[in-house]
C-alpha cells in the first residue's frame, strides 16, 4: 500500500471518529444523566457537550489507527484468500 493511500485511510478514520462522536455524544450524555438522575431531575440542553473535548481526543486517534490498520490487513487477507 502506498503512503498516500495509508494517509487517506488515517484521515478518513479521524474524520469518521469525529463525526460519530459529534453526532452521538449528546445522546449518550442524555442517556447517562437520565440513568443517574434521582427524583426526576431533568437534562439541561446547554450542557450536552460538556466533556466532549476529552472524549474526542481519544476517539479521533483511535479511529484513525483502526482505519490505518484495518485497510492494509483487509487487502492482505483478500490476496491470501484468493490464492
PDB file of N, CA and C in Angstrom:
ATOM      1  N   UNK A   1       0.849  -1.177   0.000  1.00  0.00           N
ATOM      2  CA  UNK A   1       0.000   0.000   0.000  1.00  0.00           C
ATOM      3  C   UNK A   1       0.895   1.241   0.000  1.00  0.00           C
ATOM      4  N   UNK A   2       0.533   2.179  -0.825  1.00  0.00           N
ATOM      5  CA  UNK A   2       1.304   3.418  -0.944  1.00  0.00           C
ATOM      6  C   UNK A   2       1.069   4.303   0.281  1.00  0.00           C
ATOM      7  N   UNK A   3       2.062   5.111   0.632  1.00  0.00           N
ATOM      8  CA  UNK A   3       1.894   6.014   1.785  1.00  0.00           C
ATOM      9  C   UNK A   3       0.719   6.978   1.620  1.00  0.00           C
ATOM     10  N   UNK A   4       0.453   7.395   0.379  1.00  0.00           N
ATOM     11  CA  UNK A   4      -0.678   8.309   0.154  1.00  0.00           C
ATOM     12  C   UNK A   4      -1.997   7.617   0.482  1.00  0.00           C
ATOM     13  N   UNK A   5      -2.108   6.345   0.104  1.00  0.00           N
ATOM     14  CA  UNK A   5      -3.332   5.598   0.399  1.00  0.00           C
ATOM     15  C   UNK A   5      -3.497   5.418   1.905  1.00  0.00           C
ATOM     16  N   UNK A   6      -2.397   5.090   2.563  1.00  0.00           N
ATOM     17  CA  UNK A   6      -2.446   4.904   4.011  1.00  0.00           C
ATOM     18  C   UNK A   6      -2.850   6.202   4.708  1.00  0.00           C
ATOM     19  N   UNK A   7      -2.295   7.313   4.257  1.00  0.00           N
ATOM     20  CA  UNK A   7      -2.652   8.605   4.848  1.00  0.00           C
ATOM     21  C   UNK A   7      -4.123   8.930   4.603  1.00  0.00           C
ATOM     22  N   UNK A   8      -4.632   8.527   3.453  1.00  0.00           N
ATOM     23  CA  UNK A   8      -6.053   8.712   3.175  1.00  0.00           C
ATOM     24  C   UNK A   8      -6.921   7.928   4.146  1.00  0.00           C
ATOM     25  N   UNK A   9      -6.508   6.700   4.467  1.00  0.00           N
ATOM     26  CA  UNK A   9      -7.256   5.890   5.427  1.00  0.00           C
ATOM     27  C   UNK A   9      -7.179   6.486   6.832  1.00  0.00           C
ATOM     28  N   UNK A  10      -6.015   6.998   7.193  1.00  0.00           N
ATOM     29  CA  UNK A  10      -5.861   7.643   8.503  1.00  0.00           C
ATOM     30  C   UNK A  10      -6.776   8.862   8.598  1.00  0.00           C
ATOM     31  N   UNK A  11      -6.783   9.666   7.557  1.00  0.00           N
ATOM     32  CA  UNK A  11      -7.622  10.865   7.541  1.00  0.00           C
ATOM     33  C   UNK A  11      -9.103  10.502   7.583  1.00  0.00           C
ATOM     34  N   UNK A  12      -9.487   9.502   6.793  1.00  0.00           N
ATOM     35  CA  UNK A  12     -10.886   9.066   6.791  1.00  0.00           C
ATOM     36  C   UNK A  12     -11.297   8.560   8.165  1.00  0.00           C
ATOM     37  N   UNK A  13     -10.423   7.805   8.801  1.00  0.00           N
ATOM     38  CA  UNK A  13     -10.723   7.304  10.137  1.00  0.00           C
ATOM     39  C   UNK A  13     -10.866   8.417  11.154  1.00  0.00           C
ATOM     40  N   UNK A  14      -9.993   9.407  11.065  1.00  0.00           N
ATOM     41  CA  UNK A  14     -10.065  10.532  12.000  1.00  0.00           C
ATOM     42  C   UNK A  14     -11.369  11.305  11.825  1.00  0.00           C
ATOM     43  N   UNK A  15     -11.737  11.571  10.585  1.00  0.00           N
ATOM     44  CA  UNK A  15     -12.986  12.297  10.342  1.00  0.00           C
ATOM     45  C   UNK A  15     -14.206  11.464  10.723  1.00  0.00           C
ATOM     46  N   UNK A  16     -14.153  10.162  10.468  1.00  0.00           N
ATOM     47  CA  UNK A  16     -15.269   9.291  10.849  1.00  0.00           C
ATOM     48  C   UNK A  16     -15.439   9.268  12.363  1.00  0.00           C
ATOM     49  N   UNK A  17     -14.331   9.161  13.077  1.00  0.00           N
ATOM     50  CA  UNK A  17     -14.405   9.174  14.538  1.00  0.00           C
ATOM     51  C   UNK A  17     -14.967  10.476  15.074  1.00  0.00           C
ATOM     52  N   UNK A  18     -14.537  11.582  14.496  1.00  0.00           N
ATOM     53  CA  UNK A  18     -15.044  12.888  14.927  1.00  0.00           C
ATOM     54  C   UNK A  18     -16.533  13.025  14.630  1.00  0.00           C
ATOM     55  N   UNK A  19     -16.960  12.557  13.461  1.00  0.00           N
ATOM     56  CA  UNK A  19     -18.376  12.661  13.087  1.00  0.00           C
ATOM     57  C   UNK A  19     -19.257  11.819  14.001  1.00  0.00           C
ATOM     58  N   UNK A  20     -18.810  10.620  14.305  1.00  0.00           N
ATOM     59  CA  UNK A  20     -19.585   9.748  15.191  1.00  0.00           C
ATOM     60  C   UNK A  20     -19.698  10.362  16.579  1.00  0.00           C
ATOM     61  N   UNK A  21     -18.591  10.852  17.103  1.00  0.00           N
ATOM     62  CA  UNK A  21     -18.626  11.463  18.433  1.00  0.00           C
ATOM     63  C   UNK A  21     -19.513  12.702  18.444  1.00  0.00           C
ATOM     64  N   UNK A  22     -19.408  13.515  17.407  1.00  0.00           N
ATOM     65  CA  UNK A  22     -20.207  14.735  17.326  1.00  0.00           C
ATOM     66  C   UNK A  22     -21.699  14.415  17.292  1.00  0.00           C
ATOM     67  N   UNK A  23     -22.061  13.360  16.581  1.00  0.00           N
ATOM     68  CA  UNK A  23     -23.471  13.002  16.447  1.00  0.00           C
ATOM     69  C   UNK A  23     -24.013  12.268  17.674  1.00  0.00           C
ATOM     70  N   UNK A  24     -23.226  11.379  18.250  1.00  0.00           N
ATOM     71  CA  UNK A  24     -23.753  10.509  19.297  1.00  0.00           C
ATOM     72  C   UNK A  24     -23.453  10.955  20.723  1.00  0.00           C
ATOM     73  N   UNK A  25     -22.511  11.856  20.907  1.00  0.00           N
ATOM     74  CA  UNK A  25     -22.151  12.277  22.266  1.00  0.00           C
ATOM     75  C   UNK A  25     -23.337  12.866  23.034  1.00  0.00           C
ATOM     76  N   UNK A  26     -24.134  13.751  22.423  1.00  0.00           N
ATOM     77  CA  UNK A  26     -25.271  14.288  23.185  1.00  0.00           C
ATOM     78  C   UNK A  26     -26.281  13.206  23.575  1.00  0.00           C
ATOM     79  N   UNK A  27     -26.487  12.228  22.704  1.00  0.00           N
ATOM     80  CA  UNK A  27     -27.429  11.154  23.034  1.00  0.00           C
ATOM     81  C   UNK A  27     -26.910  10.316  24.196  1.00  0.00           C
ATOM     82  N   UNK A  28     -25.631  10.039  24.185  1.00  0.00           N
ATOM     83  CA  UNK A  28     -25.031   9.283  25.279  1.00  0.00           C
ATOM     84  C   UNK A  28     -25.070  10.084  26.580  1.00  0.00           C
ATOM     85  N   UNK A  29     -24.874  11.390  26.480  1.00  0.00           N
ATOM     86  CA  UNK A  29     -24.941  12.251  27.665  1.00  0.00           C
ATOM     87  C   UNK A  29     -26.343  12.230  28.260  1.00  0.00           C
ATOM     88  N   UNK A  30     -27.351  12.346  27.420  1.00  0.00           N
ATOM     89  CA  UNK A  30     -28.740  12.312  27.896  1.00  0.00           C
ATOM     90  C   UNK A  30     -29.036  10.978  28.566  1.00  0.00           C
ATOM     91  N   UNK A  31     -28.646   9.886  27.918  1.00  0.00           N
ATOM     92  CA  UNK A  31     -28.887   8.554  28.471  1.00  0.00           C
ATOM     93  C   UNK A  31     -28.229   8.401  29.841  1.00  0.00           C
ATOM     94  N   UNK A  32     -26.981   8.810  29.937  1.00  0.00           N
ATOM     95  CA  UNK A  32     -26.246   8.665  31.193  1.00  0.00           C
ATOM     96  C   UNK A  32     -26.853   9.520  32.291  1.00  0.00           C
ATOM     97  N   UNK A  33     -27.216  10.733  31.977  1.00  0.00           N
ATOM     98  CA  UNK A  33     -27.783  11.625  33.001  1.00  0.00           C
ATOM     99  C   UNK A  33     -29.163  11.163  33.449  1.00  0.00           C
ATOM    100  N   UNK A  34     -29.951  10.621  32.522  1.00  0.00           N
ATOM    101  CA  UNK A  34     -31.258  10.100  32.917  1.00  0.00           C
ATOM    102  C   UNK A  34     -31.114   8.859  33.787  1.00  0.00           C
ATOM    103  N   UNK A  35     -30.131   8.026  33.485  1.00  0.00           N
ATOM    104  CA  UNK A  35     -29.913   6.831  34.297  1.00  0.00           C
ATOM    105  C   UNK A  35     -29.417   7.192  35.695  1.00  0.00           C
ATOM    106  N   UNK A  36     -28.631   8.246  35.794  1.00  0.00           N
ATOM    107  CA  UNK A  36     -28.060   8.637  37.083  1.00  0.00           C
ATOM    108  C   UNK A  36     -28.979   9.556  37.880  1.00  0.00           C
ATOM    109  N   UNK A  37     -30.025  10.076  37.246  1.00  0.00           N
ATOM    110  CA  UNK A  37     -30.901  11.055  37.900  1.00  0.00           C
ATOM    111  C   UNK A  37     -31.734  10.389  38.989  1.00  0.00           C
ATOM    112  N   UNK A  38     -31.895  11.130  40.064  1.00  0.00           N
ATOM    113  CA  UNK A  38     -32.755  10.682  41.159  1.00  0.00           C
ATOM    114  C   UNK A  38     -33.832  11.735  41.373  1.00  0.00           C
ATOM    115  N   UNK A  39     -35.015  11.281  41.606  1.00  0.00           N
ATOM    116  CA  UNK A  39     -36.092  12.205  41.922  1.00  0.00           C
ATOM    117  C   UNK A  39     -36.560  13.034  40.738  1.00  0.00           C
ATOM    118  N   UNK A  40     -36.444  12.523  39.537  1.00  0.00           N
ATOM    119  CA  UNK A  40     -36.982  13.186  38.363  1.00  0.00           C
ATOM    120  C   UNK A  40     -36.234  14.426  37.930  1.00  0.00           C
ATOM    121  N   UNK A  41     -34.932  14.481  38.145  1.00  0.00           N
ATOM    122  CA  UNK A  41     -34.193  15.665  37.677  1.00  0.00           C
ATOM    123  C   UNK A  41     -34.148  15.665  36.155  1.00  0.00           C
ATOM    124  N   UNK A  42     -34.076  16.836  35.581  1.00  0.00           N
ATOM    125  CA  UNK A  42     -34.143  16.956  34.122  1.00  0.00           C
ATOM    126  C   UNK A  42     -32.757  17.137  33.518  1.00  0.00           C
ATOM    127  N   UNK A  43     -32.701  16.967  32.213  1.00  0.00           N
ATOM    128  CA  UNK A  43     -31.454  17.129  31.469  1.00  0.00           C
ATOM    129  C   UNK A  43     -31.386  18.562  30.964  1.00  0.00           C
ATOM    130  N   UNK A  44     -30.279  19.247  31.205  1.00  0.00           N
ATOM    131  CA  UNK A  44     -30.082  20.611  30.745  1.00  0.00           C
ATOM    132  C   UNK A  44     -29.481  20.569  29.339  1.00  0.00           C
ATOM    133  N   UNK A  45     -30.191  21.096  28.363  1.00  0.00           N
ATOM    134  CA  UNK A  45     -29.743  21.026  26.972  1.00  0.00           C
ATOM    135  C   UNK A  45     -28.486  21.842  26.705  1.00  0.00           C
ATOM    136  N   UNK A  46     -28.182  22.813  27.571  1.00  0.00           N
ATOM    137  CA  UNK A  46     -26.977  23.627  27.375  1.00  0.00           C
ATOM    138  C   UNK A  46     -25.701  22.818  27.574  1.00  0.00           C
ATOM    139  N   UNK A  47     -25.786  21.770  28.369  1.00  0.00           N
ATOM    140  CA  UNK A  47     -24.586  21.038  28.759  1.00  0.00           C
ATOM    141  C   UNK A  47     -24.450  19.686  28.067  1.00  0.00           C
ATOM    142  N   UNK A  48     -25.039  19.527  26.906  1.00  0.00           N
ATOM    143  CA  UNK A  48     -24.981  18.236  26.215  1.00  0.00           C
ATOM    144  C   UNK A  48     -23.570  17.862  25.784  1.00  0.00           C
ATOM    145  N   UNK A  49     -22.746  18.850  25.485  1.00  0.00           N
ATOM    146  CA  UNK A  49     -21.390  18.567  25.007  1.00  0.00           C
ATOM    147  C   UNK A  49     -20.340  18.783  26.093  1.00  0.00           C
ATOM    148  N   UNK A  50     -20.754  18.850  27.341  1.00  0.00           N
ATOM    149  CA  UNK A  50     -19.794  19.012  28.432  1.00  0.00           C
ATOM    150  C   UNK A  50     -18.949  17.740  28.530  1.00  0.00           C
ATOM    151  N   UNK A  51     -17.640  17.899  28.482  1.00  0.00           N
ATOM    152  CA  UNK A  51     -16.731  16.759  28.496  1.00  0.00           C
ATOM    153  C   UNK A  51     -16.422  16.199  27.125  1.00  0.00           C
ATOM    154  N   UNK A  52     -16.929  16.840  26.097  1.00  0.00           N
ATOM    155  CA  UNK A  52     -16.750  16.361  24.721  1.00  0.00           C
ATOM    156  C   UNK A  52     -15.291  16.399  24.286  1.00  0.00           C
ATOM    157  N   UNK A  53     -14.551  17.411  24.719  1.00  0.00           N
ATOM    158  CA  UNK A  53     -13.154  17.566  24.298  1.00  0.00           C
ATOM    159  C   UNK A  53     -12.293  16.371  24.656  1.00  0.00           C
ATOM    160  N   UNK A  54     -12.415  15.909  25.877  1.00  0.00           N
ATOM    161  CA  UNK A  54     -11.633  14.753  26.295  1.00  0.00           C
ATOM    162  C   UNK A  54     -12.020  13.494  25.553  1.00  0.00           C
ATOM    163  N   UNK A  55     -13.294  13.360  25.287  1.00  0.00           N
ATOM    164  CA  UNK A  55     -13.777  12.182  24.575  1.00  0.00           C
ATOM    165  C   UNK A  55     -13.278  12.157  23.136  1.00  0.00           C
ATOM    166  N   UNK A  56     -13.316  13.290  22.474  1.00  0.00           N
ATOM    167  CA  UNK A  56     -12.887  13.329  21.073  1.00  0.00           C
ATOM    168  C   UNK A  56     -11.370  13.191  20.953  1.00  0.00           C
ATOM    169  N   UNK A  57     -10.636  13.630  21.986  1.00  0.00           N
ATOM    170  CA  UNK A  57      -9.182  13.457  21.969  1.00  0.00           C
ATOM    171  C   UNK A  57      -8.784  11.986  21.988  1.00  0.00           C
ATOM    172  N   UNK A  58      -9.639  11.142  22.498  1.00  0.00           N
ATOM    173  CA  UNK A  58      -9.368   9.709  22.469  1.00  0.00           C
ATOM    174  C   UNK A  58      -9.943   9.020  21.255  1.00  0.00           C
ATOM    175  N   UNK A  59     -11.118   9.453  20.814  1.00  0.00           N
ATOM    176  CA  UNK A  59     -11.812   8.768  19.725  1.00  0.00           C
ATOM    177  C   UNK A  59     -11.162   9.003  18.369  1.00  0.00           C
ATOM    178  N   UNK A  60     -10.717  10.210  18.104  1.00  0.00           N
ATOM    179  CA  UNK A  60     -10.148  10.524  16.785  1.00  0.00           C
ATOM    180  C   UNK A  60      -8.878   9.719  16.512  1.00  0.00           C
ATOM    181  N   UNK A  61      -7.893   9.709  17.411  1.00  0.00           N
ATOM    182  CA  UNK A  61      -6.707   8.889  17.126  1.00  0.00           C
ATOM    183  C   UNK A  61      -7.015   7.394  17.078  1.00  0.00           C
ATOM    184  N   UNK A  62      -7.941   6.940  17.925  1.00  0.00           N
ATOM    185  CA  UNK A  62      -8.283   5.515  17.928  1.00  0.00           C
ATOM    186  C   UNK A  62      -8.892   5.098  16.597  1.00  0.00           C
ATOM    187  N   UNK A  63      -9.798   5.887  16.066  1.00  0.00           N
ATOM    188  CA  UNK A  63     -10.416   5.569  14.775  1.00  0.00           C
ATOM    189  C   UNK A  63      -9.410   5.695  13.636  1.00  0.00           C
ATOM    190  N   UNK A  64      -8.526   6.665  13.719  1.00  0.00           N
ATOM    191  CA  UNK A  64      -7.501   6.831  12.682  1.00  0.00           C
ATOM    192  C   UNK A  64      -6.584   5.617  12.637  1.00  0.00           C
ATOM    193  N   UNK A  65      -6.160   5.140  13.791  1.00  0.00           N
ATOM    194  CA  UNK A  65      -5.294   3.955  13.839  1.00  0.00           C
ATOM    195  C   UNK A  65      -6.056   2.721  13.376  1.00  0.00           C
ATOM    196  N   UNK A  66      -7.317   2.603  13.777  1.00  0.00           N
ATOM    197  CA  UNK A  66      -8.119   1.456  13.353  1.00  0.00           C
ATOM    198  C   UNK A  66      -8.207   1.383  11.836  1.00  0.00           C
ATOM    199  N   UNK A  67      -8.536   2.496  11.189  1.00  0.00           N
ATOM    200  CA  UNK A  67      -8.634   2.507   9.732  1.00  0.00           C
ATOM    201  C   UNK A  67      -7.284   2.230   9.086  1.00  0.00           C
ATOM    202  N   UNK A  68      -6.218   2.777   9.660  1.00  0.00           N
ATOM    203  CA  UNK A  68      -4.877   2.592   9.100  1.00  0.00           C
ATOM    204  C   UNK A  68      -4.441   1.138   9.179  1.00  0.00           C
ATOM    205  N   UNK A  69      -4.890   0.414  10.176  1.00  0.00           N
ATOM    206  CA  UNK A  69      -4.532  -0.999  10.309  1.00  0.00           C
ATOM    207  C   UNK A  69      -5.510  -1.881   9.539  1.00  0.00           C
ATOM    208  N   UNK A  70      -6.785  -1.564   9.613  1.00  0.00           N
ATOM    209  CA  UNK A  70      -7.828  -2.399   9.019  1.00  0.00           C
ATOM    210  C   UNK A  70      -7.683  -2.537   7.510  1.00  0.00           C
ATOM    211  N   UNK A  71      -7.507  -1.436   6.814  1.00  0.00           N
ATOM    212  CA  UNK A  71      -7.476  -1.480   5.353  1.00  0.00           C
ATOM    213  C   UNK A  71      -6.308  -2.300   4.795  1.00  0.00           C
ATOM    214  N   UNK A  72      -5.063  -2.113   5.251  1.00  0.00           N
ATOM    215  CA  UNK A  72      -3.979  -2.961   4.736  1.00  0.00           C
ATOM    216  C   UNK A  72      -4.150  -4.437   5.097  1.00  0.00           C
ATOM    217  N   UNK A  73      -4.647  -4.713   6.300  1.00  0.00           N
ATOM    218  CA  UNK A  73      -4.870  -6.107   6.689  1.00  0.00           C
ATOM    219  C   UNK A  73      -5.954  -6.728   5.822  1.00  0.00           C
ATOM    220  N   UNK A  74      -7.013  -5.983   5.566  1.00  0.00           N
ATOM    221  CA  UNK A  74      -8.085  -6.478   4.701  1.00  0.00           C
ATOM    222  C   UNK A  74      -7.553  -6.776   3.306  1.00  0.00           C
ATOM    223  N   UNK A  75      -6.710  -5.904   2.789  1.00  0.00           N
ATOM    224  CA  UNK A  75      -6.116  -6.102   1.469  1.00  0.00           C
ATOM    225  C   UNK A  75      -5.243  -7.352   1.446  1.00  0.00           C
ATOM    226  N   UNK A  76      -4.397  -7.526   2.442  1.00  0.00           N
ATOM    227  CA  UNK A  76      -3.517  -8.696   2.503  1.00  0.00           C
ATOM    228  C   UNK A  76      -4.315  -9.990   2.656  1.00  0.00           C
ATOM    229  N   UNK A  77      -5.349  -9.971   3.453  1.00  0.00           N
ATOM    230  CA  UNK A  77      -6.163 -11.170   3.630  1.00  0.00           C
ATOM    231  C   UNK A  77      -6.936 -11.519   2.370  1.00  0.00           C
ATOM    232  N   UNK A  78      -7.424 -10.525   1.662  1.00  0.00           N
ATOM    233  CA  UNK A  78      -8.147 -10.814   0.422  1.00  0.00           C
ATOM    234  C   UNK A  78      -7.216 -11.416  -0.622  1.00  0.00           C
ATOM    235  N   UNK A  79      -5.968 -10.965  -0.661  1.00  0.00           N
ATOM    236  CA  UNK A  79      -4.981 -11.544  -1.581  1.00  0.00           C
ATOM    237  C   UNK A  79      -4.665 -12.976  -1.160  1.00  0.00           C
ATOM    238  N   UNK A  80      -4.487 -13.212   0.134  1.00  0.00           N
ATOM    239  CA  UNK A  80      -4.147 -14.546   0.627  1.00  0.00           C
ATOM    240  C   UNK A  80      -5.285 -15.535   0.414  1.00  0.00           C
ATOM    241  N   UNK A  81      -6.517 -15.100   0.595  1.00  0.00           N
ATOM    242  CA  UNK A  81      -7.665 -15.990   0.428  1.00  0.00           C
ATOM    243  C   UNK A  81      -7.899 -16.309  -1.039  1.00  0.00           C
ATOM    244  N   UNK A  82      -7.657 -15.365  -1.911  1.00  0.00           N
ATOM    245  CA  UNK A  82      -7.907 -15.590  -3.342  1.00  0.00           C
ATOM    246  C   UNK A  82      -6.880 -16.518  -3.977  1.00  0.00           C
ATOM    247  N   UNK A  83      -5.750 -16.740  -3.323  1.00  0.00           N
ATOM    248  CA  UNK A  83      -4.718 -17.609  -3.904  1.00  0.00           C
ATOM    249  C   UNK A  83      -4.977 -19.051  -3.645  1.00  0.00           C
TER     250      UNK A  83
END
